[in-house]
């Protein structure tokens, strides 16, 4: 299944926010709570909240980041 190239930015933001929220929520849970008995359910709840916040944030930030990188490097993105 192919997705139209016009949706590439949204897809990129979606995939970035999944990975980032997954890793960040794990790290923050481990640091702040430790590996307690109910770590996995707590982590999944934190990951869900992180993704809900992270996806719109990534959708807004990624285009600006691409433009900044393009200006800094001179490479069109």
Protein backbone atom coordinates (compact mmCIF):
# COMPACT_ATOMS: atom_id res chain seq x y z
CA UNK A 1 0.00 0.00 0.00
CA UNK A 2 1.38 3.36 -1.00
CA UNK A 3 0.39 6.66 0.56
CA UNK A 4 0.30 9.83 -1.51
CA UNK A 5 3.47 11.94 -1.22
CA UNK A 6 1.34 14.90 -0.11
CA UNK A 7 0.90 13.13 3.23
CA UNK A 8 4.63 12.50 3.77
CA UNK A 9 4.99 15.25 6.39
CA UNK A 10 2.08 13.99 8.47
CA UNK A 11 3.30 10.39 8.19
CA UNK A 12 6.79 11.43 9.23
CA UNK A 13 5.41 13.35 12.22
CA UNK A 14 3.27 10.34 13.16
CA UNK A 15 6.18 7.89 13.07
CA UNK A 16 8.55 10.26 14.86
CA UNK A 17 6.02 10.91 17.62
CA UNK A 18 5.41 7.18 18.14
CA UNK A 19 9.11 6.44 18.55
CA UNK A 20 9.99 9.50 20.57
CA UNK A 21 7.06 9.23 22.97
CA UNK A 22 7.75 5.50 23.43
CA UNK A 23 11.40 6.00 24.35
CA UNK A 24 10.95 9.21 26.34
CA UNK A 25 8.06 7.86 28.41
CA UNK A 26 10.09 4.73 29.22
CA UNK A 27 13.11 6.76 30.30
CA UNK A 28 11.10 9.19 32.40
CA UNK A 29 9.12 6.41 34.08
CA UNK A 30 12.30 4.49 34.87
CA UNK A 31 13.99 7.57 36.33
CA UNK A 32 11.04 8.92 38.30
CA UNK A 33 9.26 5.76 39.46
CA UNK A 34 11.77 2.96 39.00
CA UNK A 35 10.88 -0.56 37.93
CA UNK A 36 7.91 -1.10 40.22
CA UNK A 37 5.44 -3.99 40.02
CA UNK A 38 2.95 -2.16 37.77
CA UNK A 39 5.61 -0.44 35.64
CA UNK A 40 4.27 -1.63 32.26
CA UNK A 41 0.65 -0.39 32.73
CA UNK A 42 1.93 2.92 34.10
CA UNK A 43 4.35 3.24 31.20
CA UNK A 44 1.65 2.49 28.61
CA UNK A 45 -0.56 5.18 30.12
CA UNK A 46 2.33 7.66 30.07
CA UNK A 47 3.14 6.66 26.49
CA UNK A 48 -0.46 7.22 25.40
CA UNK A 49 -0.49 10.69 26.91
CA UNK A 50 2.94 11.43 25.44
CA UNK A 51 1.80 10.37 21.98
CA UNK A 52 -1.39 12.46 22.15
CA UNK A 53 0.75 15.50 22.98
CA UNK A 54 3.71 14.52 20.79
CA UNK A 55 1.93 13.94 17.48
CA UNK A 56 0.44 17.44 17.13
CA UNK A 57 3.70 18.93 18.43
CA UNK A 58 5.71 17.00 15.82
CA UNK A 59 3.26 17.95 13.08
CA UNK A 60 3.88 21.61 13.92
CA UNK A 61 7.63 21.42 14.57
CA UNK A 62 8.82 19.15 11.72
CA UNK A 63 8.07 21.61 8.88
CA UNK A 64 9.86 24.43 10.72
CA UNK A 65 12.81 22.15 11.47
CA UNK A 66 13.07 21.19 7.78
CA UNK A 67 13.09 24.84 6.73
CA UNK A 68 15.73 25.69 9.35
CA UNK A 69 17.95 22.80 8.27
CA UNK A 70 17.52 23.81 4.65
CA UNK A 71 18.55 27.40 5.41
CA UNK A 72 21.51 26.35 7.56
CA UNK A 73 22.86 23.75 5.15
CA UNK A 74 21.73 25.21 1.83
CA UNK A 75 20.29 21.83 0.87
CA UNK A 76 16.65 21.90 -0.27
CA UNK A 77 14.41 19.64 1.79
